[in-house]
Amino acid sequence: MSVSSVVASSHAKPAPQKRTMDLALEEFMEHRLKDFVKQMKISGGRNLYSILLREIERPLITITLKETNGNQIQAAHLLGMNRNTLRKKIKALKIRVHKNSAE
């Protein structure tokens, strides 16, 4: 272990236990993914990883943009990515960004 990681870990807060909501999401995803993986295997599908990422990424970004009223800086922050990375993904995934004037 490096000196910097020891120093960082000594100042870090203890890792929180998984919350009930996290477990519920994990269980839901596991259940749904099992079915998807089985179907991909049966149909002889390939590139499962990239397909799943693409299928999850588009709705995740779309929902986050709606939640932030189209504010890409806030959405990028919430997603934990750079704004320019988010903009590239929006363009690549052909996501329409709407800003509502009234909330």
PDB file of N, CA and C in Angstrom:
ATOM      1  N   MET A   1       0.861  -1.181   0.000  1.00  0.00           N
ATOM      2  CA  MET A   1       0.000   0.000   0.000  1.00  0.00           C
ATOM      3  C   MET A   1       0.897   1.230   0.000  1.00  0.00           C
ATOM      4  N   SER A   2       0.602   2.216  -0.816  1.00  0.00           N
ATOM      5  CA  SER A   2       1.417   3.414  -0.900  1.00  0.00           C
ATOM      6  C   SER A   2       1.137   4.344   0.270  1.00  0.00           C
ATOM      7  N   VAL A   3       2.063   5.271   0.509  1.00  0.00           N
ATOM      8  CA  VAL A   3       1.914   6.239   1.592  1.00  0.00           C
ATOM      9  C   VAL A   3       0.682   7.100   1.365  1.00  0.00           C
ATOM     10  N   SER A   4       0.456   7.531   0.128  1.00  0.00           N
ATOM     11  CA  SER A   4      -0.695   8.394  -0.151  1.00  0.00           C
ATOM     12  C   SER A   4      -2.020   7.681   0.102  1.00  0.00           C
ATOM     13  N   SER A   5      -2.078   6.371  -0.196  1.00  0.00           N
ATOM     14  CA  SER A   5      -3.329   5.661   0.054  1.00  0.00           C
ATOM     15  C   SER A   5      -3.563   5.447   1.541  1.00  0.00           C
ATOM     16  N   VAL A   6      -2.480   5.279   2.324  1.00  0.00           N
ATOM     17  CA  VAL A   6      -2.622   5.150   3.771  1.00  0.00           C
ATOM     18  C   VAL A   6      -3.112   6.461   4.365  1.00  0.00           C
ATOM     19  N   VAL A   7      -2.540   7.583   3.911  1.00  0.00           N
ATOM     20  CA  VAL A   7      -2.952   8.894   4.399  1.00  0.00           C
ATOM     21  C   VAL A   7      -4.402   9.158   4.023  1.00  0.00           C
ATOM     22  N   ALA A   8      -4.757   8.855   2.776  1.00  0.00           N
ATOM     23  CA  ALA A   8      -6.130   9.078   2.317  1.00  0.00           C
ATOM     24  C   ALA A   8      -7.110   8.219   3.097  1.00  0.00           C
ATOM     25  N   SER A   9      -6.757   6.962   3.343  1.00  0.00           N
ATOM     26  CA  SER A   9      -7.684   6.091   4.045  1.00  0.00           C
ATOM     27  C   SER A   9      -7.818   6.456   5.513  1.00  0.00           C
ATOM     28  N   SER A  10      -6.785   7.062   6.087  1.00  0.00           N
ATOM     29  CA  SER A  10      -6.879   7.442   7.494  1.00  0.00           C
ATOM     30  C   SER A  10      -7.795   8.644   7.682  1.00  0.00           C
ATOM     31  N   HIS A  11      -7.989   9.441   6.646  1.00  0.00           N
ATOM     32  CA  HIS A  11      -8.860  10.605   6.715  1.00  0.00           C
ATOM     33  C   HIS A  11     -10.253  10.331   6.150  1.00  0.00           C
ATOM     34  N   ALA A  12     -10.411   9.196   5.499  1.00  0.00           N
ATOM     35  CA  ALA A  12     -11.691   8.888   4.864  1.00  0.00           C
ATOM     36  C   ALA A  12     -12.704   8.429   5.899  1.00  0.00           C
ATOM     37  N   LYS A  13     -13.953   8.723   5.622  1.00  0.00           N
ATOM     38  CA  LYS A  13     -15.046   8.257   6.469  1.00  0.00           C
ATOM     39  C   LYS A  13     -15.218   6.770   6.231  1.00  0.00           C
ATOM     40  N   PRO A  14     -15.707   6.041   7.221  1.00  0.00           N
ATOM     41  CA  PRO A  14     -15.949   4.617   6.995  1.00  0.00           C
ATOM     42  C   PRO A  14     -16.991   4.427   5.900  1.00  0.00           C
ATOM     43  N   ALA A  15     -16.808   3.378   5.126  1.00  0.00           N
ATOM     44  CA  ALA A  15     -17.739   3.113   4.020  1.00  0.00           C
ATOM     45  C   ALA A  15     -19.114   2.792   4.577  1.00  0.00           C
ATOM     46  N   PRO A  16     -20.146   3.479   4.067  1.00  0.00           N
ATOM     47  CA  PRO A  16     -21.498   3.197   4.568  1.00  0.00           C
ATOM     48  C   PRO A  16     -21.956   1.827   4.111  1.00  0.00           C
ATOM     49  N   GLN A  17     -22.810   1.203   4.905  1.00  0.00           N
ATOM     50  CA  GLN A  17     -23.389  -0.067   4.509  1.00  0.00           C
ATOM     51  C   GLN A  17     -24.383   0.187   3.391  1.00  0.00           C
ATOM     52  N   LYS A  18     -24.614  -0.836   2.589  1.00  0.00           N
ATOM     53  CA  LYS A  18     -25.572  -0.678   1.493  1.00  0.00           C
ATOM     54  C   LYS A  18     -26.947  -0.372   2.051  1.00  0.00           C
ATOM     55  N   ARG A  19     -27.556   0.619   1.486  1.00  0.00           N
ATOM     56  CA  ARG A  19     -28.908   0.974   1.901  1.00  0.00           C
ATOM     57  C   ARG A  19     -29.910   0.023   1.269  1.00  0.00           C
ATOM     58  N   THR A  20     -31.095  -0.003   1.809  1.00  0.00           N
ATOM     59  CA  THR A  20     -32.154  -0.872   1.300  1.00  0.00           C
ATOM     60  C   THR A  20     -32.441  -0.582  -0.161  1.00  0.00           C
ATOM     61  N   MET A  21     -32.456   0.715  -0.540  1.00  0.00           N
ATOM     62  CA  MET A  21     -32.739   1.080  -1.923  1.00  0.00           C
ATOM     63  C   MET A  21     -31.665   0.517  -2.856  1.00  0.00           C
ATOM     64  N   ASP A  22     -30.400   0.572  -2.437  1.00  0.00           N
ATOM     65  CA  ASP A  22     -29.324   0.024  -3.256  1.00  0.00           C
ATOM     66  C   ASP A  22     -29.515  -1.467  -3.477  1.00  0.00           C
ATOM     67  N   LEU A  23     -29.890  -2.180  -2.411  1.00  0.00           N
ATOM     68  CA  LEU A  23     -30.121  -3.615  -2.530  1.00  0.00           C
ATOM     69  C   LEU A  23     -31.297  -3.907  -3.443  1.00  0.00           C
ATOM     70  N   ALA A  24     -32.359  -3.133  -3.323  1.00  0.00           N
ATOM     71  CA  ALA A  24     -33.527  -3.347  -4.171  1.00  0.00           C
ATOM     72  C   ALA A  24     -33.160  -3.163  -5.640  1.00  0.00           C
ATOM     73  N   LEU A  25     -32.391  -2.128  -5.952  1.00  0.00           N
ATOM     74  CA  LEU A  25     -31.972  -1.887  -7.335  1.00  0.00           C
ATOM     75  C   LEU A  25     -31.068  -3.021  -7.813  1.00  0.00           C
ATOM     76  N   GLU A  26     -30.146  -3.431  -6.967  1.00  0.00           N
ATOM     77  CA  GLU A  26     -29.233  -4.505  -7.343  1.00  0.00           C
ATOM     78  C   GLU A  26     -29.994  -5.805  -7.607  1.00  0.00           C
ATOM     79  N   GLU A  27     -30.943  -6.117  -6.738  1.00  0.00           N
ATOM     80  CA  GLU A  27     -31.743  -7.331  -6.923  1.00  0.00           C
ATOM     81  C   GLU A  27     -32.591  -7.247  -8.194  1.00  0.00           C
ATOM     82  N   PHE A  28     -33.184  -6.083  -8.455  1.00  0.00           N
ATOM     83  CA  PHE A  28     -33.981  -5.887  -9.657  1.00  0.00           C
ATOM     84  C   PHE A  28     -33.112  -6.080 -10.906  1.00  0.00           C
ATOM     85  N   MET A  29     -31.950  -5.435 -10.895  1.00  0.00           N
ATOM     86  CA  MET A  29     -31.061  -5.533 -12.052  1.00  0.00           C
ATOM     87  C   MET A  29     -30.581  -6.970 -12.252  1.00  0.00           C
ATOM     88  N   GLU A  30     -30.254  -7.630 -11.166  1.00  0.00           N
ATOM     89  CA  GLU A  30     -29.798  -9.017 -11.273  1.00  0.00           C
ATOM     90  C   GLU A  30     -30.885  -9.899 -11.888  1.00  0.00           C
ATOM     91  N   HIS A  31     -32.108  -9.742 -11.424  1.00  0.00           N
ATOM     92  CA  HIS A  31     -33.220 -10.524 -11.953  1.00  0.00           C
ATOM     93  C   HIS A  31     -33.415 -10.265 -13.445  1.00  0.00           C
ATOM     94  N   ARG A  32     -33.452  -8.989 -13.825  1.00  0.00           N
ATOM     95  CA  ARG A  32     -33.673  -8.640 -15.236  1.00  0.00           C
ATOM     96  C   ARG A  32     -32.501  -9.060 -16.115  1.00  0.00           C
ATOM     97  N   LEU A  33     -31.288  -8.917 -15.608  1.00  0.00           N
ATOM     98  CA  LEU A  33     -30.112  -9.268 -16.397  1.00  0.00           C
ATOM     99  C   LEU A  33     -30.010 -10.776 -16.618  1.00  0.00           C
ATOM    100  N   LYS A  34     -30.425 -11.557 -15.636  1.00  0.00           N
ATOM    101  CA  LYS A  34     -30.401 -13.017 -15.821  1.00  0.00           C
ATOM    102  C   LYS A  34     -31.217 -13.412 -17.038  1.00  0.00           C
ATOM    103  N   ASP A  35     -32.428 -12.858 -17.153  1.00  0.00           N
ATOM    104  CA  ASP A  35     -33.295 -13.155 -18.291  1.00  0.00           C
ATOM    105  C   ASP A  35     -32.648 -12.707 -19.601  1.00  0.00           C
ATOM    106  N   PHE A  36     -32.082 -11.514 -19.580  1.00  0.00           N
ATOM    107  CA  PHE A  36     -31.462 -10.963 -20.791  1.00  0.00           C
ATOM    108  C   PHE A  36     -30.274 -11.813 -21.231  1.00  0.00           C
ATOM    109  N   VAL A  37     -29.427 -12.184 -20.278  1.00  0.00           N
ATOM    110  CA  VAL A  37     -28.240 -12.993 -20.599  1.00  0.00           C
ATOM    111  C   VAL A  37     -28.660 -14.360 -21.131  1.00  0.00           C
ATOM    112  N   LYS A  38     -29.665 -14.966 -20.517  1.00  0.00           N
ATOM    113  CA  LYS A  38     -30.161 -16.262 -21.006  1.00  0.00           C
ATOM    114  C   LYS A  38     -30.627 -16.150 -22.447  1.00  0.00           C
ATOM    115  N   GLN A  39     -31.398 -15.114 -22.756  1.00  0.00           N
ATOM    116  CA  GLN A  39     -31.901 -14.933 -24.113  1.00  0.00           C
ATOM    117  C   GLN A  39     -30.761 -14.688 -25.105  1.00  0.00           C
ATOM    118  N   MET A  40     -29.761 -13.916 -24.678  1.00  0.00           N
ATOM    119  CA  MET A  40     -28.608 -13.673 -25.556  1.00  0.00           C
ATOM    120  C   MET A  40     -27.870 -14.983 -25.830  1.00  0.00           C
ATOM    121  N   LYS A  41     -27.714 -15.800 -24.819  1.00  0.00           N
ATOM    122  CA  LYS A  41     -27.019 -17.087 -24.976  1.00  0.00           C
ATOM    123  C   LYS A  41     -27.792 -17.998 -25.918  1.00  0.00           C
ATOM    124  N   ILE A  42     -29.097 -18.085 -25.715  1.00  0.00           N
ATOM    125  CA  ILE A  42     -29.945 -18.939 -26.549  1.00  0.00           C
ATOM    126  C   ILE A  42     -29.905 -18.495 -28.016  1.00  0.00           C
ATOM    127  N   SER A  43     -29.935 -17.186 -28.228  1.00  0.00           N
ATOM    128  CA  SER A  43     -29.964 -16.673 -29.603  1.00  0.00           C
ATOM    129  C   SER A  43     -28.580 -16.573 -30.240  1.00  0.00           C
ATOM    130  N   GLY A  44     -27.541 -16.930 -29.485  1.00  0.00           N
ATOM    131  CA  GLY A  44     -26.189 -16.873 -30.034  1.00  0.00           C
ATOM    132  C   GLY A  44     -25.667 -15.451 -30.136  1.00  0.00           C
ATOM    133  N   GLY A  45     -26.197 -14.573 -29.321  1.00  0.00           N
ATOM    134  CA  GLY A  45     -25.775 -13.176 -29.346  1.00  0.00           C
ATOM    135  C   GLY A  45     -24.321 -12.983 -28.940  1.00  0.00           C
ATOM    136  N   ARG A  46     -23.805 -11.841 -29.316  1.00  0.00           N
ATOM    137  CA  ARG A  46     -22.422 -11.486 -28.990  1.00  0.00           C
ATOM    138  C   ARG A  46     -22.384 -10.041 -28.515  1.00  0.00           C
ATOM    139  N   ASN A  47     -21.264  -9.634 -27.978  1.00  0.00           N
ATOM    140  CA  ASN A  47     -21.047  -8.252 -27.527  1.00  0.00           C
ATOM    141  C   ASN A  47     -22.047  -7.844 -26.451  1.00  0.00           C
ATOM    142  N   LEU A  48     -22.349  -8.770 -25.561  1.00  0.00           N
ATOM    143  CA  LEU A  48     -23.326  -8.535 -24.506  1.00  0.00           C
ATOM    144  C   LEU A  48     -22.986  -7.299 -23.680  1.00  0.00           C
ATOM    145  N   TYR A  49     -21.735  -7.154 -23.324  1.00  0.00           N
ATOM    146  CA  TYR A  49     -21.314  -6.036 -22.478  1.00  0.00           C
ATOM    147  C   TYR A  49     -21.623  -4.692 -23.138  1.00  0.00           C
ATOM    148  N   SER A  50     -21.216  -4.513 -24.372  1.00  0.00           N
ATOM    149  CA  SER A  50     -21.442  -3.228 -25.041  1.00  0.00           C
ATOM    150  C   SER A  50     -22.931  -2.986 -25.301  1.00  0.00           C
ATOM    151  N   ILE A  51     -23.674  -4.043 -25.584  1.00  0.00           N
ATOM    152  CA  ILE A  51     -25.118  -3.898 -25.796  1.00  0.00           C
ATOM    153  C   ILE A  51     -25.790  -3.428 -24.518  1.00  0.00           C
ATOM    154  N   LEU A  52     -25.453  -4.057 -23.397  1.00  0.00           N
ATOM    155  CA  LEU A  52     -26.054  -3.673 -22.121  1.00  0.00           C
ATOM    156  C   LEU A  52     -25.693  -2.248 -21.731  1.00  0.00           C
ATOM    157  N   LEU A  53     -24.447  -1.882 -21.905  1.00  0.00           N
ATOM    158  CA  LEU A  53     -24.047  -0.512 -21.572  1.00  0.00           C
ATOM    159  C   LEU A  53     -24.827   0.499 -22.390  1.00  0.00           C
ATOM    160  N   ARG A  54     -24.971   0.247 -23.665  1.00  0.00           N
ATOM    161  CA  ARG A  54     -25.708   1.168 -24.538  1.00  0.00           C
ATOM    162  C   ARG A  54     -27.177   1.248 -24.122  1.00  0.00           C
ATOM    163  N   GLU A  55     -27.767   0.097 -23.794  1.00  0.00           N
ATOM    164  CA  GLU A  55     -29.174   0.059 -23.417  1.00  0.00           C
ATOM    165  C   GLU A  55     -29.445   0.743 -22.075  1.00  0.00           C
ATOM    166  N   ILE A  56     -28.491   0.721 -21.185  1.00  0.00           N
ATOM    167  CA  ILE A  56     -28.647   1.350 -19.873  1.00  0.00           C
ATOM    168  C   ILE A  56     -28.271   2.826 -19.927  1.00  0.00           C
ATOM    169  N   GLU A  57     -27.245   3.149 -20.687  1.00  0.00           N
ATOM    170  CA  GLU A  57     -26.707   4.507 -20.721  1.00  0.00           C
ATOM    171  C   GLU A  57     -27.711   5.526 -21.271  1.00  0.00           C
ATOM    172  N   ARG A  58     -28.379   5.200 -22.341  1.00  0.00           N
ATOM    173  CA  ARG A  58     -29.316   6.158 -22.954  1.00  0.00           C
ATOM    174  C   ARG A  58     -30.437   6.571 -21.992  1.00  0.00           C
ATOM    175  N   PRO A  59     -31.185   5.623 -21.392  1.00  0.00           N
ATOM    176  CA  PRO A  59     -32.235   6.069 -20.468  1.00  0.00           C
ATOM    177  C   PRO A  59     -31.678   6.742 -19.216  1.00  0.00           C
ATOM    178  N   LEU A  60     -30.522   6.304 -18.753  1.00  0.00           N
ATOM    179  CA  LEU A  60     -29.926   6.928 -17.573  1.00  0.00           C
ATOM    180  C   LEU A  60     -29.607   8.399 -17.837  1.00  0.00           C
ATOM    181  N   ILE A  61     -29.002   8.693 -18.958  1.00  0.00           N
ATOM    182  CA  ILE A  61     -28.671  10.078 -19.300  1.00  0.00           C
ATOM    183  C   ILE A  61     -29.943  10.880 -19.558  1.00  0.00           C
ATOM    184  N   THR A  62     -30.899  10.297 -20.263  1.00  0.00           N
ATOM    185  CA  THR A  62     -32.157  10.988 -20.547  1.00  0.00           C
ATOM    186  C   THR A  62     -32.896  11.360 -19.266  1.00  0.00           C
ATOM    187  N   ILE A  63     -33.013  10.420 -18.351  1.00  0.00           N
ATOM    188  CA  ILE A  63     -33.699  10.673 -17.084  1.00  0.00           C
ATOM    189  C   ILE A  63     -32.957  11.724 -16.264  1.00  0.00           C
ATOM    190  N   THR A  64     -31.641  11.646 -16.252  1.00  0.00           N
ATOM    191  CA  THR A  64     -30.845  12.613 -15.491  1.00  0.00           C
ATOM    192  C   THR A  64     -30.995  14.015 -16.069  1.00  0.00           C
ATOM    193  N   LEU A  65     -31.028  14.130 -17.386  1.00  0.00           N
ATOM    194  CA  LEU A  65     -31.238  15.443 -18.012  1.00  0.00           C
ATOM    195  C   LEU A  65     -32.623  15.995 -17.687  1.00  0.00           C
ATOM    196  N   LYS A  66     -33.622  15.138 -17.678  1.00  0.00           N
ATOM    197  CA  LYS A  66     -34.966  15.591 -17.309  1.00  0.00           C
ATOM    198  C   LYS A  66     -34.987  16.063 -15.866  1.00  0.00           C
ATOM    199  N   GLU A  67     -34.330  15.322 -14.990  1.00  0.00           N
ATOM    200  CA  GLU A  67     -34.298  15.662 -13.567  1.00  0.00           C
ATOM    201  C   GLU A  67     -33.587  16.989 -13.321  1.00  0.00           C
ATOM    202  N   THR A  68     -32.608  17.307 -14.157  1.00  0.00           N
ATOM    203  CA  THR A  68     -31.856  18.562 -14.001  1.00  0.00           C
ATOM    204  C   THR A  68     -32.370  19.649 -14.938  1.00  0.00           C
ATOM    205  N   ASN A  69     -33.556  19.424 -15.498  1.00  0.00           N
ATOM    206  CA  ASN A  69     -34.175  20.410 -16.388  1.00  0.00           C
ATOM    207  C   ASN A  69     -33.282  20.759 -17.585  1.00  0.00           C
ATOM    208  N   GLY A  70     -32.587  19.773 -18.096  1.00  0.00           N
ATOM    209  CA  GLY A  70     -31.741  19.977 -19.262  1.00  0.00           C
ATOM    210  C   GLY A  70     -30.400  20.621 -18.959  1.00  0.00           C
ATOM    211  N   ASN A  71     -30.097  20.874 -17.694  1.00  0.00           N
ATOM    212  CA  ASN A  71     -28.829  21.503 -17.329  1.00  0.00           C
ATOM    213  C   ASN A  71     -27.721  20.444 -17.396  1.00  0.00           C
ATOM    214  N   GLN A  72     -26.884  20.562 -18.415  1.00  0.00           N
ATOM    215  CA  GLN A  72     -25.864  19.555 -18.661  1.00  0.00           C
ATOM    216  C   GLN A  72     -24.753  19.576 -17.608  1.00  0.00           C
ATOM    217  N   ILE A  73     -24.474  20.712 -17.040  1.00  0.00           N
ATOM    218  CA  ILE A  73     -23.458  20.787 -15.978  1.00  0.00           C
ATOM    219  C   ILE A  73     -23.941  20.024 -14.749  1.00  0.00           C
ATOM    220  N   GLN A  74     -25.193  20.266 -14.359  1.00  0.00           N
ATOM    221  CA  GLN A  74     -25.752  19.548 -13.211  1.00  0.00           C
ATOM    222  C   GLN A  74     -25.880  18.051 -13.500  1.00  0.00           C
ATOM    223  N   ALA A  75     -26.305  17.711 -14.694  1.00  0.00           N
ATOM    224  CA  ALA A  75     -26.450  16.303 -15.071  1.00  0.00           C
ATOM    225  C   ALA A  75     -25.091  15.601 -15.046  1.00  0.00           C
ATOM    226  N   ALA A  76     -24.084  16.238 -15.591  1.00  0.00           N
ATOM    227  CA  ALA A  76     -22.738  15.647 -15.592  1.00  0.00           C
ATOM    228  C   ALA A  76     -22.245  15.432 -14.165  1.00  0.00           C
ATOM    229  N   HIS A  77     -22.496  16.420 -13.312  1.00  0.00           N
ATOM    230  CA  HIS A  77     -22.092  16.306 -11.912  1.00  0.00           C
ATOM    231  C   HIS A  77     -22.812  15.133 -11.244  1.00  0.00           C
ATOM    232  N   LEU A  78     -24.108  15.034 -11.461  1.00  0.00           N
ATOM    233  CA  LEU A  78     -24.902  13.961 -10.879  1.00  0.00           C
ATOM    234  C   LEU A  78     -24.447  12.592 -11.384  1.00  0.00           C
ATOM    235  N   LEU A  79     -24.106  12.513 -12.652  1.00  0.00           N
ATOM    236  CA  LEU A  79     -23.642  11.258 -13.249  1.00  0.00           C
ATOM    237  C   LEU A  79     -22.183  10.945 -12.898  1.00  0.00           C
ATOM    238  N   GLY A  80     -21.452  11.956 -12.426  1.00  0.00           N
ATOM    239  CA  GLY A  80     -20.048  11.746 -12.071  1.00  0.00           C
ATOM    240  C   GLY A  80     -19.134  11.720 -13.278  1.00  0.00           C
ATOM    241  N   MET A  81     -19.457  12.562 -14.261  1.00  0.00           N
ATOM    242  CA  MET A  81     -18.615  12.630 -15.454  1.00  0.00           C
ATOM    243  C   MET A  81     -18.379  14.081 -15.845  1.00  0.00           C
ATOM    244  N   ASN A  82     -17.416  14.290 -16.708  1.00  0.00           N
ATOM    245  CA  ASN A  82     -17.094  15.614 -17.220  1.00  0.00           C
ATOM    246  C   ASN A  82     -18.204  16.073 -18.158  1.00  0.00           C
ATOM    247  N   ARG A  83     -18.498  17.367 -18.166  1.00  0.00           N
ATOM    248  CA  ARG A  83     -19.547  17.910 -19.029  1.00  0.00           C
ATOM    249  C   ARG A  83     -19.274  17.609 -20.501  1.00  0.00           C
ATOM    250  N   ASN A  84     -18.023  17.704 -20.912  1.00  0.00           N
ATOM    251  CA  ASN A  84     -17.701  17.423 -22.322  1.00  0.00           C
ATOM    252  C   ASN A  84     -17.957  15.961 -22.670  1.00  0.00           C
ATOM    253  N   THR A  85     -17.684  15.079 -21.730  1.00  0.00           N
ATOM    254  CA  THR A  85     -17.969  13.651 -21.941  1.00  0.00           C
ATOM    255  C   THR A  85     -19.469  13.451 -22.089  1.00  0.00           C
ATOM    256  N   LEU A  86     -20.238  14.118 -21.232  1.00  0.00           N
ATOM    257  CA  LEU A  86     -21.695  14.019 -21.324  1.00  0.00           C
ATOM    258  C   LEU A  86     -22.180  14.526 -22.673  1.00  0.00           C
ATOM    259  N   ARG A  87     -21.657  15.660 -23.125  1.00  0.00           N
ATOM    260  CA  ARG A  87     -22.065  16.226 -24.414  1.00  0.00           C
ATOM    261  C   ARG A  87     -21.773  15.254 -25.564  1.00  0.00           C
ATOM    262  N   LYS A  88     -20.617  14.574 -25.505  1.00  0.00           N
ATOM    263  CA  LYS A  88     -20.269  13.592 -26.536  1.00  0.00           C
ATOM    264  C   LYS A  88     -21.250  12.427 -26.523  1.00  0.00           C
ATOM    265  N   LYS A  89     -21.615  11.979 -25.323  1.00  0.00           N
ATOM    266  CA  LYS A  89     -22.555  10.865 -25.202  1.00  0.00           C
ATOM    267  C   LYS A  89     -23.943  11.271 -25.695  1.00  0.00           C
ATOM    268  N   ILE A  90     -24.361  12.497 -25.367  1.00  0.00           N
ATOM    269  CA  ILE A  90     -25.656  12.999 -25.836  1.00  0.00           C
ATOM    270  C   ILE A  90     -25.696  12.983 -27.367  1.00  0.00           C
ATOM    271  N   LYS A  91     -24.620  13.439 -27.968  1.00  0.00           N
ATOM    272  CA  LYS A  91     -24.550  13.475 -29.425  1.00  0.00           C
ATOM    273  C   LYS A  91     -24.507  12.060 -30.011  1.00  0.00           C
ATOM    274  N   ALA A  92     -23.674  11.200 -29.450  1.00  0.00           N
ATOM    275  CA  ALA A  92     -23.526   9.841 -29.965  1.00  0.00           C
ATOM    276  C   ALA A  92     -24.812   9.031 -29.810  1.00  0.00           C
ATOM    277  N   LEU A  93     -25.523   9.242 -28.712  1.00  0.00           N
ATOM    278  CA  LEU A  93     -26.752   8.500 -28.448  1.00  0.00           C
ATOM    279  C   LEU A  93     -27.997   9.191 -29.016  1.00  0.00           C
ATOM    280  N   LYS A  94     -27.780  10.343 -29.652  1.00  0.00           N
ATOM    281  CA  LYS A  94     -28.855  11.131 -30.271  1.00  0.00           C
ATOM    282  C   LYS A  94     -29.977  11.424 -29.284  1.00  0.00           C
ATOM    283  N   ILE A  95     -29.585  11.973 -28.139  1.00  0.00           N
ATOM    284  CA  ILE A  95     -30.542  12.322 -27.095  1.00  0.00           C
ATOM    285  C   ILE A  95     -30.948  13.773 -27.277  1.00  0.00           C
ATOM    286  N   ARG A  96     -32.243  14.036 -27.277  1.00  0.00           N
ATOM    287  CA  ARG A  96     -32.743  15.410 -27.370  1.00  0.00           C
ATOM    288  C   ARG A  96     -32.744  16.011 -25.973  1.00  0.00           C
ATOM    289  N   VAL A  97     -32.203  17.222 -25.861  1.00  0.00           N
ATOM    290  CA  VAL A  97     -32.157  17.904 -24.581  1.00  0.00           C
ATOM    291  C   VAL A  97     -33.221  18.985 -24.575  1.00  0.00           C
ATOM    292  N   HIS A  98     -34.118  18.898 -23.605  1.00  0.00           N
ATOM    293  CA  HIS A  98     -35.205  19.878 -23.471  1.00  0.00           C
ATOM    294  C   HIS A  98     -35.011  20.633 -22.168  1.00  0.00           C
ATOM    295  N   LYS A  99     -35.182  21.936 -22.242  1.00  0.00           N
ATOM    296  CA  LYS A  99     -35.160  22.757 -21.040  1.00  0.00           C
ATOM    297  C   LYS A  99     -36.569  23.298 -20.833  1.00  0.00           C
ATOM    298  N   ASN A 100     -37.116  23.027 -19.675  1.00  0.00           N
ATOM    299  CA  ASN A 100     -38.448  23.541 -19.330  1.00  0.00           C
ATOM    300  C   ASN A 100     -38.290  24.907 -18.710  1.00  0.00           C
ATOM    301  N   SER A 101     -39.082  25.864 -19.154  1.00  0.00           N
ATOM    302  CA  SER A 101     -38.990  27.211 -18.609  1.00  0.00           C
ATOM    303  C   SER A 101     -39.694  27.326 -17.265  1.00  0.00           C
ATOM    304  N   ALA A 102     -40.683  26.495 -17.015  1.00  0.00           N
ATOM    305  CA  ALA A 102     -41.398  26.521 -15.739  1.00  0.00           C
ATOM    306  C   ALA A 102     -41.200  25.213 -15.004  1.00  0.00           C
ATOM    307  N   GLU A 103     -41.023  25.315 -13.692  1.00  0.00           N
ATOM    308  CA  GLU A 103     -40.875  24.096 -12.882  1.00  0.00           C
ATOM    309  C   GLU A 103     -41.977  24.005 -11.902  1.00  0.00           C
TER     310      GLU A 103
END
